[in-house]
Amino acid sequence: MEHEEGSDSEQAAPKPIYKREKIQSRLDRINKVTLKIFNKHSKHKLKTIPWIEQLAVTSEEVTAPVSIPNTHEDLRRELAFYNMALANTCRGIEKLEEMKVPIDRPVDYLVEMMKSDAHMRKVKQRLLTQENSINKFEERKRRVHDQKFAKKIKAVKEQEKHKKKKMALEEIEKWKKNIKEKKECARSHPYKPQSLISTNLPAC
């Protein structure tokens, strides 16, 4: 009985209710307040720092939403971001040029290497070792292939030689047999010695 009462109470338990609209409105409100506080403090902090030290360029389209017909189209969305970044870059370059700040790297400008020469020599030696090992492997592979190919060529030549030898032996046997037949025919026709001279002997 207690088990049945427990199962009835579990079945009768109310389902949780999620008020999605209220939760979403609350989240939107929190986001707006947080963004407002962040913008206030960040603008105040940026105003105290010279622009040349921060190089921050804010897009004019931030105040208004970017017009994208379909936000699920990756290409259009990324193109909108690209255009925004390109416009900000052009504005920053113009501002630097107005301040007469050089933005192009000199032709004879040398950048100090982040890694030492000893480390780069090790890297070069490692690359050379890898290249040599690869070349040796390719050479060994080519040699094995050439050996297999040479064996095949040798086998084919041996077969052709054996075939020619066999054909030559067969021709010799045919020639011997023909000579033997001619001799037998000559013996069986003693009164016709001209038959030995003629090539077409009568069948015996």
N, C-alpha and C. Protein backbone atom coordinates (compact mmCIF):
# COMPACT_ATOMS: atom_id res chain seq x y z
N MET A 1 0.84 -1.20 0.00
CA MET A 1 0.00 0.00 0.00
C MET A 1 0.87 1.25 0.00
N GLU A 2 1.93 1.23 0.80
CA GLU A 2 2.81 2.40 0.84
C GLU A 2 3.48 2.62 -0.51
N HIS A 3 3.84 1.54 -1.16
CA HIS A 3 4.49 1.66 -2.47
C HIS A 3 3.53 2.26 -3.49
N GLU A 4 2.27 1.83 -3.42
CA GLU A 4 1.28 2.37 -4.36
C GLU A 4 1.04 3.83 -4.10
N GLU A 5 0.97 4.25 -2.81
CA GLU A 5 0.78 5.66 -2.48
C GLU A 5 1.96 6.49 -2.97
N GLY A 6 3.18 5.93 -2.81
CA GLY A 6 4.37 6.66 -3.27
C GLY A 6 4.35 6.83 -4.78
N SER A 7 3.96 5.78 -5.51
CA SER A 7 3.91 5.89 -6.97
C SER A 7 2.85 6.88 -7.41
N ASP A 8 1.68 6.95 -6.68
CA ASP A 8 0.63 7.91 -7.03
C ASP A 8 1.11 9.33 -6.79
N SER A 9 1.87 9.55 -5.71
CA SER A 9 2.37 10.90 -5.42
C SER A 9 3.38 11.34 -6.47
N GLU A 10 4.22 10.36 -6.94
CA GLU A 10 5.19 10.72 -7.98
C GLU A 10 4.50 11.06 -9.28
N GLN A 11 3.46 10.34 -9.63
CA GLN A 11 2.74 10.63 -10.86
C GLN A 11 1.98 11.94 -10.77
N ALA A 12 1.53 12.28 -9.57
CA ALA A 12 0.73 13.50 -9.41
C ALA A 12 1.59 14.74 -9.23
N ALA A 13 2.94 14.60 -9.22
CA ALA A 13 3.81 15.76 -9.03
C ALA A 13 3.66 16.72 -10.21
N PRO A 14 3.52 18.03 -9.95
CA PRO A 14 3.33 18.99 -11.06
C PRO A 14 4.59 19.14 -11.89
N LYS A 15 4.42 19.33 -13.17
CA LYS A 15 5.55 19.53 -14.07
C LYS A 15 6.08 20.94 -13.91
N PRO A 16 7.42 21.11 -14.01
CA PRO A 16 7.98 22.46 -13.89
C PRO A 16 7.54 23.34 -15.07
N ILE A 17 7.31 24.58 -14.77
CA ILE A 17 6.85 25.53 -15.78
C ILE A 17 7.99 26.50 -16.07
N TYR A 18 8.39 26.61 -17.33
CA TYR A 18 9.44 27.52 -17.76
C TYR A 18 8.81 28.72 -18.46
N LYS A 19 8.93 29.85 -17.82
CA LYS A 19 8.41 31.07 -18.42
C LYS A 19 9.50 31.68 -19.28
N ARG A 20 9.55 31.19 -20.50
CA ARG A 20 10.64 31.55 -21.40
C ARG A 20 10.65 33.04 -21.72
N GLU A 21 9.52 33.63 -21.95
CA GLU A 21 9.46 35.04 -22.34
C GLU A 21 9.96 35.94 -21.22
N LYS A 22 9.55 35.63 -19.98
CA LYS A 22 9.99 36.45 -18.85
C LYS A 22 11.51 36.30 -18.63
N ILE A 23 11.99 35.05 -18.76
CA ILE A 23 13.43 34.82 -18.58
C ILE A 23 14.23 35.56 -19.65
N GLN A 24 13.75 35.53 -20.90
CA GLN A 24 14.45 36.21 -21.99
C GLN A 24 14.45 37.72 -21.80
N SER A 25 13.32 38.27 -21.34
CA SER A 25 13.27 39.72 -21.09
C SER A 25 14.21 40.12 -19.96
N ARG A 26 14.30 39.26 -18.96
CA ARG A 26 15.22 39.53 -17.85
C ARG A 26 16.66 39.51 -18.32
N LEU A 27 17.01 38.53 -19.14
CA LEU A 27 18.37 38.44 -19.67
C LEU A 27 18.70 39.64 -20.55
N ASP A 28 17.74 40.07 -21.36
CA ASP A 28 17.98 41.25 -22.20
C ASP A 28 18.24 42.49 -21.35
N ARG A 29 17.48 42.61 -20.28
CA ARG A 29 17.68 43.76 -19.40
C ARG A 29 19.05 43.74 -18.74
N ILE A 30 19.47 42.54 -18.28
CA ILE A 30 20.79 42.41 -17.66
C ILE A 30 21.89 42.74 -18.66
N ASN A 31 21.73 42.27 -19.90
CA ASN A 31 22.73 42.54 -20.93
C ASN A 31 22.82 44.02 -21.24
N LYS A 32 21.70 44.69 -21.30
CA LYS A 32 21.71 46.13 -21.59
C LYS A 32 22.41 46.91 -20.48
N VAL A 33 22.10 46.55 -19.23
CA VAL A 33 22.72 47.25 -18.10
C VAL A 33 24.23 46.99 -18.09
N THR A 34 24.61 45.74 -18.30
CA THR A 34 26.04 45.39 -18.30
C THR A 34 26.78 46.11 -19.42
N LEU A 35 26.18 46.15 -20.61
CA LEU A 35 26.81 46.83 -21.74
C LEU A 35 26.93 48.33 -21.49
N LYS A 36 25.92 48.90 -20.86
CA LYS A 36 25.94 50.32 -20.56
C LYS A 36 27.07 50.66 -19.58
N ILE A 37 27.20 49.84 -18.54
CA ILE A 37 28.27 50.06 -17.55
C ILE A 37 29.63 49.90 -18.20
N PHE A 38 29.76 48.87 -19.02
CA PHE A 38 31.05 48.62 -19.69
C PHE A 38 31.43 49.78 -20.61
N ASN A 39 30.47 50.25 -21.40
CA ASN A 39 30.75 51.36 -22.32
C ASN A 39 31.13 52.63 -21.56
N LYS A 40 30.47 52.85 -20.43
CA LYS A 40 30.75 54.05 -19.65
C LYS A 40 32.18 54.03 -19.12
N HIS A 41 32.58 52.91 -18.53
CA HIS A 41 33.92 52.81 -17.95
C HIS A 41 34.98 52.76 -19.03
N SER A 42 34.71 52.03 -20.15
CA SER A 42 35.71 51.91 -21.20
C SER A 42 35.93 53.24 -21.90
N LYS A 43 34.84 53.99 -22.15
CA LYS A 43 35.00 55.31 -22.79
C LYS A 43 35.76 56.27 -21.89
N HIS A 44 35.48 56.23 -20.60
CA HIS A 44 36.18 57.11 -19.66
C HIS A 44 37.67 56.75 -19.61
N LYS A 45 37.95 55.44 -19.64
CA LYS A 45 39.35 55.00 -19.58
C LYS A 45 40.08 55.35 -20.87
N LEU A 46 39.40 55.17 -22.02
CA LEU A 46 40.04 55.47 -23.30
C LEU A 46 40.28 56.96 -23.48
N LYS A 47 39.42 57.79 -22.89
CA LYS A 47 39.61 59.24 -23.04
C LYS A 47 40.86 59.72 -22.33
N THR A 48 41.24 59.03 -21.28
CA THR A 48 42.43 59.45 -20.52
C THR A 48 43.74 58.98 -21.18
N ILE A 49 43.65 58.08 -22.17
CA ILE A 49 44.84 57.56 -22.85
C ILE A 49 44.93 58.19 -24.24
N PRO A 50 46.11 58.66 -24.65
CA PRO A 50 46.25 59.22 -26.00
C PRO A 50 45.91 58.17 -27.07
N TRP A 51 45.36 58.68 -28.16
CA TRP A 51 44.92 57.74 -29.21
C TRP A 51 46.09 56.98 -29.82
N ILE A 52 47.24 57.64 -29.91
CA ILE A 52 48.40 56.99 -30.50
C ILE A 52 48.88 55.81 -29.66
N GLU A 53 48.51 55.78 -28.37
CA GLU A 53 48.89 54.69 -27.49
C GLU A 53 47.90 53.53 -27.56
N GLN A 54 46.67 53.80 -27.95
CA GLN A 54 45.65 52.75 -27.96
C GLN A 54 45.31 52.28 -29.36
N LEU A 55 45.33 53.23 -30.36
CA LEU A 55 45.01 52.90 -31.76
C LEU A 55 43.67 52.19 -31.88
N ALA A 56 42.69 52.68 -31.13
CA ALA A 56 41.35 52.08 -31.16
C ALA A 56 40.48 52.84 -32.14
N VAL A 57 39.90 52.13 -33.08
CA VAL A 57 38.99 52.71 -34.07
C VAL A 57 37.67 51.97 -33.96
N THR A 58 36.63 52.70 -33.57
CA THR A 58 35.31 52.12 -33.41
C THR A 58 34.51 52.35 -34.68
N SER A 59 33.86 51.30 -35.14
CA SER A 59 33.08 51.41 -36.37
C SER A 59 31.85 52.26 -36.14
N GLU A 60 31.48 53.01 -37.16
CA GLU A 60 30.27 53.84 -37.06
C GLU A 60 29.01 53.01 -37.10
N GLU A 61 29.12 51.76 -37.54
CA GLU A 61 27.94 50.90 -37.64
C GLU A 61 27.63 50.15 -36.36
N VAL A 62 28.44 50.40 -35.31
CA VAL A 62 28.18 49.68 -34.06
C VAL A 62 26.89 50.15 -33.42
N THR A 63 26.60 51.46 -33.53
CA THR A 63 25.38 51.99 -32.92
C THR A 63 24.13 51.43 -33.58
N ALA A 64 24.21 51.06 -34.86
CA ALA A 64 23.07 50.49 -35.57
C ALA A 64 23.40 49.05 -35.96
N PRO A 65 22.42 48.18 -35.99
CA PRO A 65 22.70 46.78 -36.36
C PRO A 65 23.15 46.67 -37.81
N VAL A 66 24.05 45.71 -38.07
CA VAL A 66 24.53 45.48 -39.42
C VAL A 66 23.41 44.85 -40.24
N SER A 67 23.21 45.39 -41.43
CA SER A 67 22.10 44.92 -42.27
C SER A 67 22.54 43.68 -43.04
N ILE A 68 22.12 42.52 -42.56
CA ILE A 68 22.38 41.24 -43.23
C ILE A 68 21.02 40.59 -43.48
N PRO A 69 20.67 40.31 -44.73
CA PRO A 69 19.35 39.72 -45.00
C PRO A 69 19.11 38.43 -44.24
N ASN A 70 20.12 37.55 -44.26
CA ASN A 70 19.98 36.26 -43.59
C ASN A 70 21.25 36.02 -42.77
N THR A 71 21.11 36.05 -41.45
CA THR A 71 22.28 35.90 -40.57
C THR A 71 22.87 34.49 -40.63
N HIS A 72 22.14 33.53 -41.17
CA HIS A 72 22.64 32.16 -41.26
C HIS A 72 23.53 31.95 -42.47
N GLU A 73 23.61 32.93 -43.36
CA GLU A 73 24.50 32.83 -44.51
C GLU A 73 25.89 33.27 -44.08
N ASP A 74 26.78 32.32 -43.97
CA ASP A 74 28.13 32.59 -43.46
C ASP A 74 28.88 33.58 -44.34
N LEU A 75 28.74 33.44 -45.64
CA LEU A 75 29.51 34.29 -46.55
C LEU A 75 29.09 35.75 -46.42
N ARG A 76 27.80 36.01 -46.39
CA ARG A 76 27.32 37.40 -46.27
C ARG A 76 27.69 37.99 -44.91
N ARG A 77 27.59 37.19 -43.86
CA ARG A 77 27.92 37.68 -42.52
C ARG A 77 29.40 38.03 -42.42
N GLU A 78 30.26 37.13 -42.90
CA GLU A 78 31.70 37.39 -42.84
C GLU A 78 32.08 38.56 -43.74
N LEU A 79 31.36 38.73 -44.87
CA LEU A 79 31.65 39.85 -45.76
C LEU A 79 31.30 41.18 -45.08
N ALA A 80 30.21 41.19 -44.31
CA ALA A 80 29.84 42.41 -43.59
C ALA A 80 30.90 42.75 -42.54
N PHE A 81 31.40 41.74 -41.82
CA PHE A 81 32.46 41.99 -40.84
C PHE A 81 33.74 42.46 -41.53
N TYR A 82 34.03 41.87 -42.69
CA TYR A 82 35.24 42.26 -43.42
C TYR A 82 35.15 43.71 -43.87
N ASN A 83 33.99 44.10 -44.40
CA ASN A 83 33.83 45.49 -44.85
C ASN A 83 33.95 46.46 -43.67
N MET A 84 33.41 46.08 -42.53
CA MET A 84 33.50 46.93 -41.34
C MET A 84 34.96 47.09 -40.90
N ALA A 85 35.71 45.96 -40.87
CA ALA A 85 37.12 46.02 -40.47
C ALA A 85 37.94 46.82 -41.49
N LEU A 86 37.62 46.67 -42.78
CA LEU A 86 38.35 47.41 -43.81
C LEU A 86 38.11 48.92 -43.68
N ALA A 87 36.86 49.32 -43.41
CA ALA A 87 36.56 50.74 -43.24
C ALA A 87 37.29 51.31 -42.03
N ASN A 88 37.34 50.54 -40.93
CA ASN A 88 38.06 50.99 -39.74
C ASN A 88 39.56 51.11 -40.01
N THR A 89 40.10 50.18 -40.78
CA THR A 89 41.53 50.24 -41.11
C THR A 89 41.85 51.49 -41.93
N CYS A 90 41.00 51.78 -42.91
CA CYS A 90 41.22 52.98 -43.73
C CYS A 90 41.13 54.25 -42.88
N ARG A 91 40.19 54.29 -41.96
CA ARG A 91 40.07 55.45 -41.07
C ARG A 91 41.29 55.59 -40.18
N GLY A 92 41.79 54.46 -39.66
CA GLY A 92 42.99 54.51 -38.82
C GLY A 92 44.21 54.98 -39.59
N ILE A 93 44.36 54.52 -40.85
CA ILE A 93 45.49 54.96 -41.67
C ILE A 93 45.41 56.45 -41.95
N GLU A 94 44.21 56.94 -42.25
CA GLU A 94 44.04 58.38 -42.50
C GLU A 94 44.41 59.19 -41.25
N LYS A 95 44.01 58.69 -40.10
CA LYS A 95 44.31 59.41 -38.87
C LYS A 95 45.81 59.42 -38.59
N LEU A 96 46.48 58.31 -38.85
CA LEU A 96 47.92 58.25 -38.66
C LEU A 96 48.65 59.18 -39.64
N GLU A 97 48.17 59.23 -40.87
CA GLU A 97 48.77 60.13 -41.84
C GLU A 97 48.58 61.59 -41.46
N GLU A 98 47.39 61.93 -40.88
CA GLU A 98 47.18 63.29 -40.40
C GLU A 98 48.14 63.64 -39.27
N MET A 99 48.43 62.66 -38.42
CA MET A 99 49.37 62.88 -37.32
C MET A 99 50.83 62.75 -37.77
N LYS A 100 51.04 62.45 -39.07
CA LYS A 100 52.38 62.30 -39.64
C LYS A 100 53.18 61.21 -38.93
N VAL A 101 52.49 60.11 -38.70
CA VAL A 101 53.15 58.94 -38.10
C VAL A 101 53.52 57.98 -39.22
N PRO A 102 54.77 57.59 -39.34
CA PRO A 102 55.15 56.65 -40.43
C PRO A 102 54.50 55.29 -40.22
N ILE A 103 53.90 54.79 -41.28
CA ILE A 103 53.20 53.50 -41.19
C ILE A 103 53.84 52.44 -42.10
N ASP A 104 54.72 52.87 -43.02
CA ASP A 104 55.37 51.91 -43.93
C ASP A 104 56.72 51.49 -43.34
N ARG A 105 57.07 50.23 -43.54
CA ARG A 105 58.34 49.72 -43.05
C ARG A 105 59.45 50.13 -44.00
N PRO A 106 60.56 50.65 -43.49
CA PRO A 106 61.68 51.02 -44.37
C PRO A 106 62.22 49.82 -45.13
N VAL A 107 62.85 50.10 -46.28
CA VAL A 107 63.38 49.02 -47.11
C VAL A 107 64.52 48.29 -46.41
N ASP A 108 65.37 49.05 -45.70
CA ASP A 108 66.54 48.46 -45.04
C ASP A 108 66.25 48.08 -43.59
N TYR A 109 64.99 47.85 -43.26
CA TYR A 109 64.62 47.52 -41.88
C TYR A 109 64.92 46.04 -41.63
N LEU A 110 65.67 45.76 -40.59
CA LEU A 110 66.01 44.40 -40.22
C LEU A 110 65.36 44.05 -38.89
N VAL A 111 64.64 42.97 -38.89
CA VAL A 111 63.95 42.53 -37.67
C VAL A 111 64.86 41.54 -36.94
N GLU A 112 64.98 41.73 -35.65
CA GLU A 112 65.80 40.81 -34.85
C GLU A 112 65.11 39.46 -34.76
N MET A 113 65.90 38.42 -34.96
CA MET A 113 65.36 37.07 -34.93
C MET A 113 64.95 36.70 -33.49
N MET A 114 63.81 36.04 -33.40
CA MET A 114 63.34 35.61 -32.09
C MET A 114 64.15 34.42 -31.58
N LYS A 115 64.73 33.65 -32.50
CA LYS A 115 65.50 32.47 -32.10
C LYS A 115 66.98 32.72 -32.38
N SER A 116 67.83 32.09 -31.62
CA SER A 116 69.28 32.28 -31.77
C SER A 116 69.79 31.56 -33.01
N ASP A 117 71.02 31.96 -33.41
CA ASP A 117 71.62 31.32 -34.57
C ASP A 117 71.91 29.84 -34.33
N ALA A 118 72.27 29.52 -33.10
CA ALA A 118 72.55 28.11 -32.77
C ALA A 118 71.29 27.26 -32.95
N HIS A 119 70.16 27.81 -32.49
CA HIS A 119 68.89 27.08 -32.64
C HIS A 119 68.54 26.91 -34.12
N MET A 120 68.73 27.97 -34.91
CA MET A 120 68.42 27.90 -36.33
C MET A 120 69.36 26.92 -37.04
N ARG A 121 70.62 26.84 -36.60
CA ARG A 121 71.52 25.85 -37.19
C ARG A 121 71.05 24.43 -36.90
N LYS A 122 70.56 24.22 -35.67
CA LYS A 122 70.01 22.91 -35.33
C LYS A 122 68.80 22.57 -36.20
N VAL A 123 67.94 23.59 -36.39
CA VAL A 123 66.75 23.37 -37.23
C VAL A 123 67.17 23.03 -38.65
N LYS A 124 68.16 23.78 -39.17
CA LYS A 124 68.65 23.53 -40.53
C LYS A 124 69.25 22.14 -40.65
N GLN A 125 70.05 21.75 -39.64
CA GLN A 125 70.66 20.43 -39.66
C GLN A 125 69.60 19.33 -39.61
N ARG A 126 68.55 19.56 -38.80
CA ARG A 126 67.47 18.58 -38.72
C ARG A 126 66.76 18.45 -40.06
N LEU A 127 66.53 19.58 -40.72
CA LEU A 127 65.87 19.55 -42.03
C LEU A 127 66.74 18.84 -43.06
N LEU A 128 68.05 19.12 -43.01
CA LEU A 128 68.96 18.44 -43.95
C LEU A 128 68.99 16.94 -43.69
N THR A 129 68.98 16.55 -42.42
CA THR A 129 68.97 15.12 -42.08
C THR A 129 67.70 14.44 -42.59
N GLN A 130 66.57 15.12 -42.39
CA GLN A 130 65.32 14.57 -42.90
C GLN A 130 65.33 14.46 -44.42
N GLU A 131 65.89 15.49 -45.08
CA GLU A 131 65.95 15.45 -46.54
C GLU A 131 66.85 14.31 -47.02
N ASN A 132 67.99 14.11 -46.34
CA ASN A 132 68.89 13.03 -46.72
C ASN A 132 68.24 11.66 -46.51
N SER A 133 67.53 11.52 -45.39
CA SER A 133 66.86 10.25 -45.14
C SER A 133 65.78 9.98 -46.19
N ILE A 134 65.07 11.03 -46.56
CA ILE A 134 64.03 10.88 -47.60
C ILE A 134 64.67 10.50 -48.94
N ASN A 135 65.79 11.18 -49.27
CA ASN A 135 66.48 10.85 -50.53
C ASN A 135 67.00 9.42 -50.53
N LYS A 136 67.55 8.98 -49.38
CA LYS A 136 68.04 7.60 -49.30
C LYS A 136 66.89 6.61 -49.46
N PHE A 137 65.78 6.92 -48.82
CA PHE A 137 64.62 6.03 -48.94
C PHE A 137 64.14 5.96 -50.39
N GLU A 138 64.07 7.12 -51.05
CA GLU A 138 63.63 7.13 -52.45
C GLU A 138 64.63 6.39 -53.34
N GLU A 139 65.94 6.57 -53.07
CA GLU A 139 66.95 5.87 -53.84
C GLU A 139 66.85 4.36 -53.65
N ARG A 140 66.64 3.94 -52.39
CA ARG A 140 66.49 2.51 -52.11
C ARG A 140 65.24 1.95 -52.78
N LYS A 141 64.18 2.74 -52.75
CA LYS A 141 62.93 2.32 -53.39
C LYS A 141 63.11 2.20 -54.90
N ARG A 142 63.83 3.17 -55.49
CA ARG A 142 64.07 3.13 -56.93
C ARG A 142 64.95 1.95 -57.31
N ARG A 143 65.96 1.66 -56.45
CA ARG A 143 66.85 0.54 -56.73
C ARG A 143 66.09 -0.79 -56.69
N VAL A 144 65.22 -0.94 -55.70
CA VAL A 144 64.42 -2.17 -55.61
C VAL A 144 63.52 -2.30 -56.84
N HIS A 145 62.93 -1.17 -57.24
CA HIS A 145 62.06 -1.19 -58.42
C HIS A 145 62.85 -1.56 -59.67
N ASP A 146 64.08 -1.00 -59.80
CA ASP A 146 64.91 -1.32 -60.96
C ASP A 146 65.32 -2.79 -60.95
N GLN A 147 65.60 -3.32 -59.76
CA GLN A 147 65.97 -4.73 -59.67
C GLN A 147 64.80 -5.62 -60.09
N LYS A 148 63.62 -5.30 -59.62
CA LYS A 148 62.45 -6.09 -60.01
C LYS A 148 62.21 -5.99 -61.51
N PHE A 149 62.38 -4.78 -62.05
CA PHE A 149 62.18 -4.59 -63.48
C PHE A 149 63.24 -5.36 -64.28
N ALA A 150 64.49 -5.33 -63.78
CA ALA A 150 65.57 -6.06 -64.47
C ALA A 150 65.29 -7.56 -64.43
N LYS A 151 64.77 -8.06 -63.31
CA LYS A 151 64.44 -9.48 -63.22
C LYS A 151 63.35 -9.85 -64.22
N LYS A 152 62.35 -8.97 -64.35
CA LYS A 152 61.28 -9.24 -65.31
C LYS A 152 61.83 -9.26 -66.73
N ILE A 153 62.69 -8.27 -67.06
CA ILE A 153 63.28 -8.22 -68.39
C ILE A 153 64.12 -9.47 -68.66
N LYS A 154 64.90 -9.88 -67.64
CA LYS A 154 65.74 -11.07 -67.80
C LYS A 154 64.89 -12.31 -68.01
N ALA A 155 63.78 -12.41 -67.26
CA ALA A 155 62.90 -13.57 -67.41
C ALA A 155 62.28 -13.59 -68.81
N VAL A 156 61.88 -12.41 -69.30
CA VAL A 156 61.29 -12.35 -70.64
C VAL A 156 62.32 -12.74 -71.69
N LYS A 157 63.55 -12.25 -71.54
CA LYS A 157 64.61 -12.60 -72.49
C LYS A 157 64.92 -14.09 -72.45
N GLU A 158 64.95 -14.68 -71.22
CA GLU A 158 65.19 -16.11 -71.10
C GLU A 158 64.09 -16.91 -71.79
N GLN A 159 62.84 -16.46 -71.63
CA GLN A 159 61.73 -17.15 -72.29
C GLN A 159 61.86 -17.06 -73.80
N GLU A 160 62.21 -15.87 -74.31
CA GLU A 160 62.37 -15.72 -75.75
C GLU A 160 63.53 -16.58 -76.26
N LYS A 161 64.64 -16.61 -75.50
CA LYS A 161 65.78 -17.43 -75.89
C LYS A 161 65.42 -18.91 -75.91
N HIS A 162 64.70 -19.34 -74.87
CA HIS A 162 64.27 -20.73 -74.80
C HIS A 162 63.33 -21.07 -75.95
N LYS A 163 62.45 -20.12 -76.26
CA LYS A 163 61.50 -20.34 -77.36
C LYS A 163 62.23 -20.45 -78.70
N LYS A 164 63.21 -19.55 -78.93
CA LYS A 164 63.98 -19.60 -80.17
C LYS A 164 64.79 -20.90 -80.27
N LYS A 165 65.38 -21.31 -79.13
CA LYS A 165 66.15 -22.54 -79.12
C LYS A 165 65.26 -23.74 -79.43
N LYS A 166 64.05 -23.71 -78.84
CA LYS A 166 63.12 -24.80 -79.08
C LYS A 166 62.70 -24.85 -80.55
N MET A 167 62.44 -23.67 -81.13
CA MET A 167 62.07 -23.61 -82.54
C MET A 167 63.22 -24.08 -83.43
N ALA A 168 64.47 -23.69 -83.08
CA ALA A 168 65.63 -24.12 -83.87
C ALA A 168 65.80 -25.64 -83.81
N LEU A 169 65.63 -26.23 -82.62
CA LEU A 169 65.73 -27.68 -82.48
C LEU A 169 64.65 -28.39 -83.28
N GLU A 170 63.44 -27.82 -83.26
CA GLU A 170 62.35 -28.41 -84.05
C GLU A 170 62.65 -28.35 -85.53
N GLU A 171 63.23 -27.23 -86.00
CA GLU A 171 63.60 -27.12 -87.41
C GLU A 171 64.69 -28.12 -87.78
N ILE A 172 65.65 -28.29 -86.85
CA ILE A 172 66.72 -29.27 -87.12
C ILE A 172 66.15 -30.68 -87.20
N GLU A 173 65.23 -31.00 -86.30
CA GLU A 173 64.62 -32.32 -86.31
C GLU A 173 63.82 -32.53 -87.59
N LYS A 174 63.13 -31.47 -88.03
CA LYS A 174 62.38 -31.58 -89.30
C LYS A 174 63.33 -31.78 -90.47
N TRP A 175 64.46 -31.09 -90.44
CA TRP A 175 65.44 -31.20 -91.53
C TRP A 175 66.06 -32.60 -91.56
N LYS A 176 66.39 -33.11 -90.35
CA LYS A 176 66.94 -34.46 -90.28
C LYS A 176 65.93 -35.50 -90.79
N LYS A 177 64.69 -35.30 -90.38
CA LYS A 177 63.64 -36.23 -90.80
C LYS A 177 63.46 -36.19 -92.31
N ASN A 178 63.54 -35.00 -92.88
CA ASN A 178 63.39 -34.85 -94.33
C ASN A 178 64.55 -35.52 -95.06
N ILE A 179 65.79 -35.33 -94.55
CA ILE A 179 66.95 -35.98 -95.15
C ILE A 179 66.82 -37.49 -95.08
N LYS A 180 66.36 -37.97 -93.93
CA LYS A 180 66.22 -39.43 -93.75
C LYS A 180 65.19 -39.99 -94.73
N GLU A 181 64.09 -39.26 -94.90
CA GLU A 181 63.05 -39.72 -95.83
C GLU A 181 63.59 -39.75 -97.26
N LYS A 182 64.37 -38.74 -97.63
CA LYS A 182 64.94 -38.69 -98.98
C LYS A 182 65.90 -39.86 -99.22
N LYS A 183 66.70 -40.20 -98.20
CA LYS A 183 67.62 -41.32 -98.34
C LYS A 183 66.87 -42.63 -98.50
N GLU A 184 65.82 -42.80 -97.71
CA GLU A 184 65.03 -44.02 -97.82
C GLU A 184 64.36 -44.13 -99.18
N CYS A 185 63.89 -43.01 -99.69
CA CYS A 185 63.27 -43.01 -101.01
C CYS A 185 64.30 -43.32 -102.09
N ALA A 186 65.53 -42.81 -101.92
CA ALA A 186 66.57 -43.08 -102.90
C ALA A 186 66.95 -44.56 -102.91
N ARG A 187 66.96 -45.19 -101.75
CA ARG A 187 67.27 -46.61 -101.68
C ARG A 187 66.16 -47.45 -102.30
N SER A 188 64.91 -47.01 -102.10
CA SER A 188 63.80 -47.78 -102.65
C SER A 188 63.64 -47.60 -104.16
N HIS A 189 64.31 -46.66 -104.78
CA HIS A 189 64.27 -46.43 -106.23
C HIS A 189 65.70 -46.44 -106.77
N PRO A 190 66.31 -47.63 -106.88
CA PRO A 190 67.70 -47.69 -107.33
C PRO A 190 67.87 -47.35 -108.79
N TYR A 191 66.85 -47.56 -109.63
CA TYR A 191 66.96 -47.31 -111.06
C TYR A 191 66.65 -45.86 -111.41
N LYS A 192 66.39 -45.05 -110.46
CA LYS A 192 66.11 -43.63 -110.73
C LYS A 192 67.04 -42.77 -109.89
N PRO A 193 68.27 -42.68 -110.30
CA PRO A 193 69.21 -41.85 -109.51
C PRO A 193 68.90 -40.37 -109.61
N GLN A 194 68.16 -39.96 -110.70
CA GLN A 194 67.82 -38.53 -110.79
C GLN A 194 66.93 -38.07 -109.63
N SER A 195 66.26 -39.04 -109.00
CA SER A 195 65.38 -38.66 -107.89
C SER A 195 66.15 -38.08 -106.72
N LEU A 196 67.48 -38.43 -106.65
CA LEU A 196 68.28 -37.85 -105.58
C LEU A 196 68.53 -36.38 -105.82
N ILE A 197 68.58 -36.00 -107.10
CA ILE A 197 68.87 -34.62 -107.43
C ILE A 197 67.62 -33.76 -107.29
N SER A 198 66.48 -34.31 -107.65
CA SER A 198 65.24 -33.51 -107.60
C SER A 198 64.87 -33.21 -106.17
N THR A 199 64.29 -32.06 -106.00
CA THR A 199 63.89 -31.64 -104.67
C THR A 199 62.60 -32.26 -104.24
N ASN A 200 61.67 -32.52 -105.21
CA ASN A 200 60.38 -33.08 -104.90
C ASN A 200 60.44 -34.58 -105.16
N LEU A 201 60.80 -35.37 -104.18
CA LEU A 201 60.87 -36.81 -104.32
C LEU A 201 59.49 -37.42 -104.13
N PRO A 202 59.24 -38.47 -104.80
CA PRO A 202 57.92 -39.14 -104.60
C PRO A 202 57.85 -39.75 -103.22
N ALA A 203 56.65 -39.78 -102.71
CA ALA A 203 56.45 -40.38 -101.39
C ALA A 203 56.69 -41.85 -101.45
N CYS A 204 57.41 -42.41 -100.47
CA CYS A 204 57.73 -43.82 -100.45
C CYS A 204 56.62 -44.59 -99.77
